[in-house]
Amino acid sequence: MEVPGGDGVLRSLRAVDVLSAEGSPSIKAVAAQLGIEASTASRLVVGAERSGFLTKQPSDDDLRRSELALTPRGSRLLTRSSSRRRDLLAEATAGWTRDEVDCLAKLLDRLADGLEALADEL
């Protein structure tokens, strides 16, 4: 799936989506979620905003902070992307047994935990 601004913009949209469960995410929160510098997150957010996937508004509490939100267009993009990823995964594992799929899921969780621990050390 071709996304204006590339994979980084899509990653930033996913981060905003996840972080929105806790309130209005900021560029700093997106950077932390993605494990990147705030300046890099800022460039991704600007690209997503220009493409109409995100809105960025000054915070009521702190005018130096921007609050981010997905637009309907951004939400649709995430839905299509997630659906495409699920379809590809289903295709790739079509001949696998249920036990093999379960094993993969457990190993991917373990890998994600390991990567998160490494990111925390940085």
C-alpha atoms as a PDB file:
ATOM      1  CA  MET A   1       0.000   0.000   0.000  1.00  0.00           C
ATOM      2  CA  GLU A   2       1.464   3.320  -1.094  1.00  0.00           C
ATOM      3  CA  VAL A   3       1.145   6.040   1.557  1.00  0.00           C
ATOM      4  CA  PRO A   4       1.927   9.709   0.906  1.00  0.00           C
ATOM      5  CA  GLY A   5       4.968  10.424   3.044  1.00  0.00           C
ATOM      6  CA  GLY A   6       5.938   6.752   3.248  1.00  0.00           C
ATOM      7  CA  ASP A   7       5.975   4.155   5.973  1.00  0.00           C
ATOM      8  CA  GLY A   8       7.064   6.661   8.619  1.00  0.00           C
ATOM      9  CA  VAL A   9       3.812   8.585   8.246  1.00  0.00           C
ATOM     10  CA  LEU A  10       1.835   5.361   8.647  1.00  0.00           C
ATOM     11  CA  ARG A  11       3.858   4.479  11.762  1.00  0.00           C
ATOM     12  CA  SER A  12       3.142   7.924  13.203  1.00  0.00           C
ATOM     13  CA  LEU A  13      -0.591   7.458  12.560  1.00  0.00           C
ATOM     14  CA  ARG A  14      -0.524   4.114  14.357  1.00  0.00           C
ATOM     15  CA  ALA A  15       1.277   5.751  17.298  1.00  0.00           C
ATOM     16  CA  VAL A  16      -1.307   8.557  17.485  1.00  0.00           C
ATOM     17  CA  ASP A  17      -4.082   5.962  17.341  1.00  0.00           C
ATOM     18  CA  VAL A  18      -2.583   3.928  20.214  1.00  0.00           C
ATOM     19  CA  LEU A  19      -1.732   6.990  22.311  1.00  0.00           C
ATOM     20  CA  SER A  20      -5.198   8.513  21.821  1.00  0.00           C
ATOM     21  CA  ALA A  21      -6.600   5.937  24.237  1.00  0.00           C
ATOM     22  CA  GLU A  22      -4.773   7.862  26.980  1.00  0.00           C
ATOM     23  CA  GLY A  23      -5.750  11.360  25.823  1.00  0.00           C
ATOM     24  CA  SER A  24      -4.516  13.764  23.171  1.00  0.00           C
ATOM     25  CA  PRO A  25      -1.025  12.689  22.119  1.00  0.00           C
ATOM     26  CA  SER A  26       1.792  15.123  21.463  1.00  0.00           C
ATOM     27  CA  ILE A  27       4.740  14.991  19.089  1.00  0.00           C
ATOM     28  CA  LYS A  28       6.946  14.130  22.059  1.00  0.00           C
ATOM     29  CA  ALA A  29       4.676  11.170  22.928  1.00  0.00           C
ATOM     30  CA  VAL A  30       4.746   9.959  19.310  1.00  0.00           C
ATOM     31  CA  ALA A  31       8.543  10.162  19.336  1.00  0.00           C
ATOM     32  CA  ALA A  32       8.701   8.124  22.532  1.00  0.00           C
ATOM     33  CA  GLN A  33       6.216   5.559  21.188  1.00  0.00           C
ATOM     34  CA  LEU A  34       8.249   5.107  18.001  1.00  0.00           C
ATOM     35  CA  GLY A  35      11.665   5.318  19.664  1.00  0.00           C
ATOM     36  CA  ILE A  36      12.775   8.235  17.487  1.00  0.00           C
ATOM     37  CA  GLU A  37      13.951  11.798  18.046  1.00  0.00           C
ATOM     38  CA  ALA A  38      11.302  14.481  18.524  1.00  0.00           C
ATOM     39  CA  SER A  39      12.564  16.323  15.428  1.00  0.00           C
ATOM     40  CA  THR A  40      12.009  13.194  13.314  1.00  0.00           C
ATOM     41  CA  ALA A  41       8.535  12.701  14.795  1.00  0.00           C
ATOM     42  CA  SER A  42       7.780  16.352  14.072  1.00  0.00           C
ATOM     43  CA  ARG A  43       8.661  15.888  10.378  1.00  0.00           C
ATOM     44  CA  LEU A  44       6.450  12.780  10.192  1.00  0.00           C
ATOM     45  CA  VAL A  45       3.568  14.621  11.839  1.00  0.00           C
ATOM     46  CA  VAL A  46       3.933  17.559   9.443  1.00  0.00           C
ATOM     47  CA  GLY A  47       3.806  15.128   6.499  1.00  0.00           C
ATOM     48  CA  ALA A  48       0.732  13.378   7.920  1.00  0.00           C
ATOM     49  CA  GLU A  49      -0.942  16.718   8.565  1.00  0.00           C
ATOM     50  CA  ARG A  50      -0.210  17.979   5.034  1.00  0.00           C
ATOM     51  CA  SER A  51      -1.665  14.751   3.630  1.00  0.00           C
ATOM     52  CA  GLY A  52      -4.835  15.256   5.664  1.00  0.00           C
ATOM     53  CA  PHE A  53      -4.309  12.258   7.974  1.00  0.00           C
ATOM     54  CA  LEU A  54      -3.794  14.191  11.236  1.00  0.00           C
ATOM     55  CA  THR A  55      -4.812  17.446  12.824  1.00  0.00           C
ATOM     56  CA  LYS A  56      -2.479  19.382  15.088  1.00  0.00           C
ATOM     57  CA  GLN A  57      -3.888  21.915  17.544  1.00  0.00           C
ATOM     58  CA  PRO A  58      -2.218  23.936  20.304  1.00  0.00           C
ATOM     59  CA  SER A  59      -2.876  22.452  23.736  1.00  0.00           C
ATOM     60  CA  ASP A  60      -5.215  24.386  26.002  1.00  0.00           C
ATOM     61  CA  ASP A  61      -2.885  23.643  28.934  1.00  0.00           C
ATOM     62  CA  ASP A  62       0.452  24.441  27.283  1.00  0.00           C
ATOM     63  CA  LEU A  63       0.615  26.465  24.069  1.00  0.00           C
ATOM     64  CA  ARG A  64       4.120  25.082  23.364  1.00  0.00           C
ATOM     65  CA  ARG A  65       2.586  21.610  23.048  1.00  0.00           C
ATOM     66  CA  SER A  66       0.548  20.412  20.060  1.00  0.00           C
ATOM     67  CA  GLU A  67      -2.243  17.894  20.479  1.00  0.00           C
ATOM     68  CA  LEU A  68      -2.611  15.395  17.651  1.00  0.00           C
ATOM     69  CA  ALA A  69      -5.717  13.622  16.387  1.00  0.00           C
ATOM     70  CA  LEU A  70      -6.498  11.351  13.481  1.00  0.00           C
ATOM     71  CA  THR A  71      -8.777  12.767  10.818  1.00  0.00           C
ATOM     72  CA  PRO A  72     -11.463  10.565   9.250  1.00  0.00           C
ATOM     73  CA  ARG A  73      -9.078  10.147   6.294  1.00  0.00           C
ATOM     74  CA  GLY A  74      -6.304   9.014   8.653  1.00  0.00           C
ATOM     75  CA  SER A  75      -8.634   6.546  10.365  1.00  0.00           C
ATOM     76  CA  ARG A  76      -9.660   5.094   6.992  1.00  0.00           C
ATOM     77  CA  LEU A  77      -6.014   4.712   6.001  1.00  0.00           C
ATOM     78  CA  LEU A  78      -5.233   2.844   9.230  1.00  0.00           C
ATOM     79  CA  THR A  79      -8.240   0.566   8.737  1.00  0.00           C
ATOM     80  CA  ARG A  80      -7.192  -0.265   5.153  1.00  0.00           C
ATOM     81  CA  SER A  81      -3.585  -0.803   6.198  1.00  0.00           C
ATOM     82  CA  SER A  82      -4.537  -3.099   9.082  1.00  0.00           C
ATOM     83  CA  SER A  83      -6.871  -5.078   6.859  1.00  0.00           C
ATOM     84  CA  ARG A  84      -4.155  -5.470   4.227  1.00  0.00           C
ATOM     85  CA  ARG A  85      -1.643  -6.628   6.849  1.00  0.00           C
ATOM     86  CA  ARG A  86      -4.133  -9.195   8.195  1.00  0.00           C
ATOM     87  CA  ASP A  87      -4.809 -10.463   4.665  1.00  0.00           C
ATOM     88  CA  LEU A  88      -1.086 -10.817   3.937  1.00  0.00           C
ATOM     89  CA  LEU A  89      -0.498 -12.641   7.211  1.00  0.00           C
ATOM     90  CA  ALA A  90      -3.406 -14.990   6.516  1.00  0.00           C
ATOM     91  CA  GLU A  91      -1.992 -15.700   3.034  1.00  0.00           C
ATOM     92  CA  ALA A  92       1.517 -16.287   4.350  1.00  0.00           C
ATOM     93  CA  THR A  93       0.323 -18.719   7.023  1.00  0.00           C
ATOM     94  CA  ALA A  94      -2.459 -20.387   5.015  1.00  0.00           C
ATOM     95  CA  GLY A  95      -0.816 -23.817   5.141  1.00  0.00           C
ATOM     96  CA  TRP A  96       0.161 -23.601   8.805  1.00  0.00           C
ATOM     97  CA  THR A  97      -1.462 -25.516  11.621  1.00  0.00           C
ATOM     98  CA  ARG A  98      -3.188 -23.675  14.460  1.00  0.00           C
ATOM     99  CA  ASP A  99      -0.299 -24.673  16.763  1.00  0.00           C
ATOM    100  CA  GLU A 100       2.236 -23.139  14.356  1.00  0.00           C
ATOM    101  CA  VAL A 101       0.277 -19.871  14.177  1.00  0.00           C
ATOM    102  CA  ASP A 102       0.000 -19.802  17.988  1.00  0.00           C
ATOM    103  CA  CYS A 103       3.740 -20.422  18.294  1.00  0.00           C
ATOM    104  CA  LEU A 104       4.477 -17.573  15.879  1.00  0.00           C
ATOM    105  CA  ALA A 105       2.223 -15.234  17.862  1.00  0.00           C
ATOM    106  CA  LYS A 106       3.980 -16.121  21.124  1.00  0.00           C
ATOM    107  CA  LEU A 107       7.423 -15.653  19.580  1.00  0.00           C
ATOM    108  CA  LEU A 108       6.434 -12.299  18.066  1.00  0.00           C
ATOM    109  CA  ASP A 109       5.167 -11.155  21.477  1.00  0.00           C
ATOM    110  CA  ARG A 110       8.464 -12.249  22.993  1.00  0.00           C
ATOM    111  CA  LEU A 111      10.408 -10.395  20.293  1.00  0.00           C
ATOM    112  CA  ALA A 112       8.319  -7.238  20.831  1.00  0.00           C
ATOM    113  CA  ASP A 113       8.962  -7.427  24.585  1.00  0.00           C
ATOM    114  CA  GLY A 114      12.706  -7.803  23.955  1.00  0.00           C
ATOM    115  CA  LEU A 115      12.781  -4.861  21.570  1.00  0.00           C
ATOM    116  CA  GLU A 116      10.805  -2.744  24.020  1.00  0.00           C
ATOM    117  CA  ALA A 117      13.266  -3.593  26.796  1.00  0.00           C
ATOM    118  CA  LEU A 118      16.172  -2.585  24.560  1.00  0.00           C
ATOM    119  CA  ALA A 119      14.450   0.685  23.679  1.00  0.00           C
ATOM    120  CA  ASP A 120      13.954   1.417  27.383  1.00  0.00           C
ATOM    121  CA  GLU A 121      17.710   1.012  27.915  1.00  0.00           C
ATOM    122  CA  LEU A 122      18.558   3.611  25.264  1.00  0.00           C
END
